[in-house]
Protein backbone atom coordinates (compact mmCIF):
# COMPACT_ATOMS: atom_id res chain seq x y z
CA MET A 1 111.53 104.65 147.16
CA ILE A 2 108.58 102.59 146.92
CA GLY A 3 108.73 98.78 146.97
CA ILE A 4 106.14 96.99 144.94
CA THR A 5 105.51 93.25 145.40
CA PHE A 6 103.88 90.58 142.85
CA ALA A 7 104.04 87.00 143.08
CA LEU A 8 105.00 86.48 139.51
CA PRO A 9 106.53 88.32 136.40
CA SER A 10 103.12 87.69 134.55
CA GLU A 11 101.39 90.01 137.06
CA SER A 12 104.06 92.89 136.93
CA SER A 13 104.79 92.85 133.15
CA GLY A 14 102.61 95.77 132.28
CA LEU A 15 104.42 97.64 134.94
CA VAL A 16 107.77 96.74 133.98
CA ARG A 17 107.31 98.07 130.51
CA ARG A 18 106.55 101.39 131.93
CA LEU A 19 109.60 101.71 134.09
CA GLN A 20 112.28 104.21 133.11
CA ALA A 21 115.94 103.39 133.62
CA LEU A 22 115.28 99.65 134.23
CA GLN A 23 117.57 97.61 136.05
CA ARG A 24 117.25 93.94 136.93
CA HIS A 25 118.70 92.20 140.05
CA GLY A 26 117.53 88.57 140.11
CA LYS A 27 114.08 88.22 141.69
CA SER A 28 113.75 92.25 141.80
CA LEU A 29 113.97 95.03 139.29
CA SER A 30 114.44 98.78 139.99
CA GLY A 31 113.46 101.77 138.02
CA ARG A 32 111.53 105.11 137.88
CA ILE A 33 108.14 106.20 137.15
CA ASP A 34 108.58 110.03 136.54
CA SER A 35 110.80 111.09 139.35
CA ARG A 36 109.91 108.32 141.78
CA ASP A 37 112.36 105.58 142.53
CA VAL A 38 110.57 102.00 142.67
CA THR A 39 111.73 98.47 143.17
CA ILE A 40 109.72 95.47 142.01
CA LEU A 41 110.10 92.28 143.84
CA HIS A 42 108.74 88.89 142.65
CA THR A 43 108.02 86.95 146.05
CA GLY A 44 106.89 83.67 144.29
CA VAL A 45 103.42 82.36 145.03
CA GLY A 46 102.50 81.82 148.59
CA ALA A 47 104.30 82.41 151.63
CA ARG A 48 107.29 79.82 151.12
CA ASP A 49 109.90 82.17 149.62
CA CYS A 50 108.03 85.56 150.18
CA ASN A 51 109.25 86.19 153.84
CA GLU A 52 113.00 85.88 152.81
CA ARG A 53 112.76 87.59 149.70
CA LEU A 54 111.09 90.54 151.26
CA GLU A 55 113.39 90.54 154.20
CA ILE A 56 116.33 90.84 151.75
CA LEU A 57 114.54 93.70 149.82
CA LEU A 58 113.67 95.96 152.96
CA HIS A 59 117.33 95.47 154.21
CA LYS A 60 118.77 96.42 151.03
CA THR A 61 116.56 99.21 149.76
CA ARG A 62 114.66 100.60 152.94
CA PRO A 63 111.55 101.46 151.05
CA SER A 64 109.24 104.29 152.39
CA LEU A 65 106.17 102.11 151.81
CA VAL A 66 105.33 98.72 150.37
CA ILE A 67 102.52 98.05 147.88
CA SER A 68 101.48 94.36 147.66
CA SER A 69 100.04 93.96 144.35
CA GLY A 70 98.93 91.25 141.87
CA PHE A 71 95.83 89.26 141.25
CA ALA A 72 93.28 88.01 143.66
CA GLY A 73 90.21 85.58 143.40
CA ALA A 74 86.75 87.01 144.33
CA VAL A 75 84.71 85.11 147.05
CA ALA A 76 82.00 87.91 147.22
CA GLU A 77 79.38 87.89 144.39
CA LYS A 78 79.67 91.76 144.07
CA LEU A 79 83.27 91.49 142.69
CA ARG A 80 83.91 91.07 139.00
CA ALA A 81 86.99 90.36 137.16
CA GLY A 82 88.86 93.63 136.57
CA ASP A 83 87.65 95.26 139.86
CA LEU A 84 90.32 96.96 141.79
CA ILE A 85 90.46 96.11 145.41
CA LEU A 86 92.05 97.72 148.40
CA ALA A 87 92.56 95.35 151.47
CA GLN A 88 91.44 97.36 154.48
CA ASN A 89 92.55 94.65 156.97
CA PHE A 90 96.17 94.67 155.71
CA SER A 91 96.60 98.25 154.61
CA ASP A 92 97.89 101.19 156.71
CA SER A 93 95.13 103.26 157.47
CA GLY A 94 96.57 106.58 156.12
CA LEU A 95 97.75 104.95 152.79
CA LEU A 96 94.32 103.32 152.49
CA ALA A 97 92.60 106.64 152.80
CA ASN A 98 94.94 108.29 150.29
CA ALA A 99 94.75 105.50 147.72
CA ASP A 100 91.08 105.44 147.77
CA ARG A 101 91.00 109.17 147.18
CA ILE A 102 93.71 108.94 144.40
CA LEU A 103 91.87 106.15 142.68
CA GLY A 104 88.55 107.39 143.26
CA ASP A 105 87.40 107.70 139.63
CA ARG A 106 88.62 104.01 139.11
CA ARG A 107 86.23 102.90 141.79
CA PRO A 108 88.36 100.69 143.85
CA ARG A 109 86.58 98.30 146.34
CA VAL A 110 87.73 98.55 149.96
CA VAL A 111 87.41 94.98 151.10
CA LYS A 112 88.63 92.36 153.70
CA LEU A 113 91.11 90.25 151.97
CA PHE A 114 92.01 86.45 153.09
CA THR A 115 95.40 84.96 152.39
CA SER A 116 95.05 81.16 151.69
CA THR A 117 97.73 78.62 151.66
CA SER A 118 96.44 77.18 148.27
CA ILE A 119 94.93 78.34 144.94
CA ILE A 120 91.26 78.52 145.49
CA ASP A 121 88.90 77.89 142.46
CA SER A 122 85.53 76.06 143.33
CA ILE A 123 82.39 77.67 144.43
CA ASP A 124 82.30 75.67 147.69
CA GLU A 125 85.96 76.73 148.81
CA ARG A 126 85.21 80.53 147.75
CA ASN A 127 81.67 80.29 149.79
CA GLU A 128 83.63 78.70 152.62
CA ILE A 129 86.12 81.54 152.97
CA ALA A 130 83.33 84.14 152.64
CA ARG A 131 81.55 82.56 155.52
CA VAL A 132 84.26 81.72 157.95
CA ALA A 133 86.74 84.56 157.41
CA GLY A 134 84.11 87.09 156.39
CA ALA A 135 86.19 88.13 153.26
CA GLU A 136 85.35 89.31 150.08
CA ALA A 137 88.68 88.35 147.93
CA VAL A 138 91.55 85.87 148.46
CA ASP A 139 95.21 85.88 147.63
CA MET A 140 98.33 83.85 148.65
CA GLU A 141 100.79 86.45 149.71
CA THR A 142 99.47 89.49 151.53
CA GLY A 143 99.32 88.14 155.04
CA ALA A 144 103.02 87.19 154.97
CA ILE A 145 104.11 90.47 153.49
CA ALA A 146 102.05 92.21 156.03
CA ASP A 147 103.85 90.28 158.87
CA VAL A 148 107.37 91.14 157.46
CA CYS A 149 106.36 94.86 156.88
CA LYS A 150 105.09 95.13 160.49
CA VAL A 151 108.22 93.88 161.92
CA HIS A 152 110.31 96.43 159.93
CA GLY A 153 107.99 99.34 160.53
CA VAL A 154 107.21 99.77 157.04
CA PRO A 155 103.79 101.04 156.10
CA LEU A 156 101.86 98.74 153.73
CA LEU A 157 99.26 99.06 151.04
CA SER A 158 97.40 96.20 149.56
CA LEU A 159 96.12 96.91 146.05
CA ARG A 160 95.06 94.20 143.71
CA VAL A 161 92.81 93.25 140.82
CA ILE A 162 90.30 90.38 140.51
CA SER A 163 91.41 87.70 138.20
CA ASP A 164 88.65 85.27 138.62
CA THR A 165 85.24 84.95 140.21
CA SER A 166 82.71 82.15 140.86
CA SER A 167 80.85 83.16 137.44
CA GLU A 168 84.34 83.94 135.51
CA PRO A 169 86.33 81.06 137.00
CA PHE A 170 89.71 79.54 135.58
CA PRO A 171 89.30 77.99 132.23
CA ALA A 172 90.88 74.70 133.61
CA PRO A 173 91.93 73.16 136.83
CA PRO A 174 94.61 75.27 138.54
CA SER A 175 96.90 72.27 138.63
CA VAL A 176 96.81 72.18 134.97
CA LEU A 177 97.47 76.13 134.41
CA PHE A 178 100.05 76.49 136.92
CA ASP A 179 102.72 74.52 138.60
CA VAL A 180 102.96 76.12 142.11
CA GLU A 181 106.44 74.40 142.77
CA ARG A 182 108.08 75.45 139.53
CA GLU A 183 106.19 78.87 139.48
CA GLN A 184 105.21 78.38 135.71
CA THR A 185 102.73 76.81 133.51
CA ASN A 186 103.63 73.27 132.62
CA PHE A 187 102.75 73.33 128.94
CA GLY A 188 102.88 69.87 128.36
CA ARG A 189 100.21 69.03 130.91
CA LEU A 190 98.15 72.03 129.64
CA LEU A 191 98.35 70.51 125.98
CA VAL A 192 97.25 67.11 127.07
CA TYR A 193 94.39 68.88 128.70
CA LEU A 194 93.31 70.88 125.83
CA LEU A 195 93.58 67.86 123.59
CA ARG A 196 91.18 65.94 125.73
CA ASP A 197 88.71 69.02 126.25
CA PRO A 198 88.87 71.01 122.97
CA GLY A 199 86.04 73.26 124.23
CA SER A 200 88.46 74.68 126.87
CA VAL A 201 90.58 76.33 124.01
CA TRP A 202 87.85 79.19 123.81
CA ARG A 203 87.73 79.44 127.66
CA LEU A 204 91.40 79.70 127.81
CA PHE A 205 91.32 82.42 125.24
CA ARG A 206 88.78 84.36 127.06
CA PHE A 207 90.50 84.13 130.23
CA GLY A 208 93.64 85.35 128.63
CA ARG A 209 91.72 88.55 127.55
CA GLN A 210 90.26 88.81 130.92
CA ILE A 211 93.76 88.56 132.61
CA ALA A 212 95.23 91.11 130.09
CA HIS A 213 92.48 93.58 130.95
CA ALA A 214 92.89 93.06 134.74
CA ARG A 215 96.65 93.56 134.28
CA ALA A 216 96.43 97.00 132.44
CA SER A 217 93.95 98.50 135.02
CA LEU A 218 96.23 97.37 137.96
CA THR A 219 99.22 99.00 136.03
CA ASP A 220 97.51 102.26 135.59
CA ALA A 221 96.26 102.20 139.25
CA ILE A 222 99.83 101.64 140.51
CA ILE A 223 101.46 104.36 138.29
CA ALA A 224 98.74 106.81 139.59
CA LEU A 225 99.53 105.89 143.23
CA VAL A 226 103.22 106.07 142.85
CA ARG A 227 103.09 109.71 141.26
CA GLU A 228 100.97 110.90 144.26
CA LEU A 229 101.67 108.91 147.53
């Protein structure tokens, strides 16, 4: 069985629709991709709930490997929205080599990933992470996932897709788009923002298309990996 983690259902929805024999179990779902059993775990945003939820998953299902997946932000100028990335600093070396081979025609970027404690949006924040950490992309969960997998001796592969960059940023402040504590969008807050800045409606629409394309690309890549790993 392969365990696959996402922070939120909005990241995993494409993959969930492709699962056969789908079953739901609270924060996790199980099913099959062809003949391979998989379990999807929603860890929540950041490390706050991630450790506990992953510990439970590993104890209950004992996966042969874990794929840490979802969206990531670019801090390197070479990365664009929709690019697939494999984190060399968190991934098992054997899994990394196999994934790079399997996904070769999709041109994944092998990068250094930085795990942040907060949502990164501004150009200054992105540049600081690139300078200090030497990273090319940033997320909020993989570091915690890697720590838990290491304790349990479960090999990890980090595969993510770039959702936003300095030139293709969030269409509104992160605090408007997403309530981290509640792990959902506060639509009242978003509506107030759109009424105050009508021009952001088009940016939000364009970002939605950007995210949909990124999610579809990530879904196809995960399915290819599950079939061959």
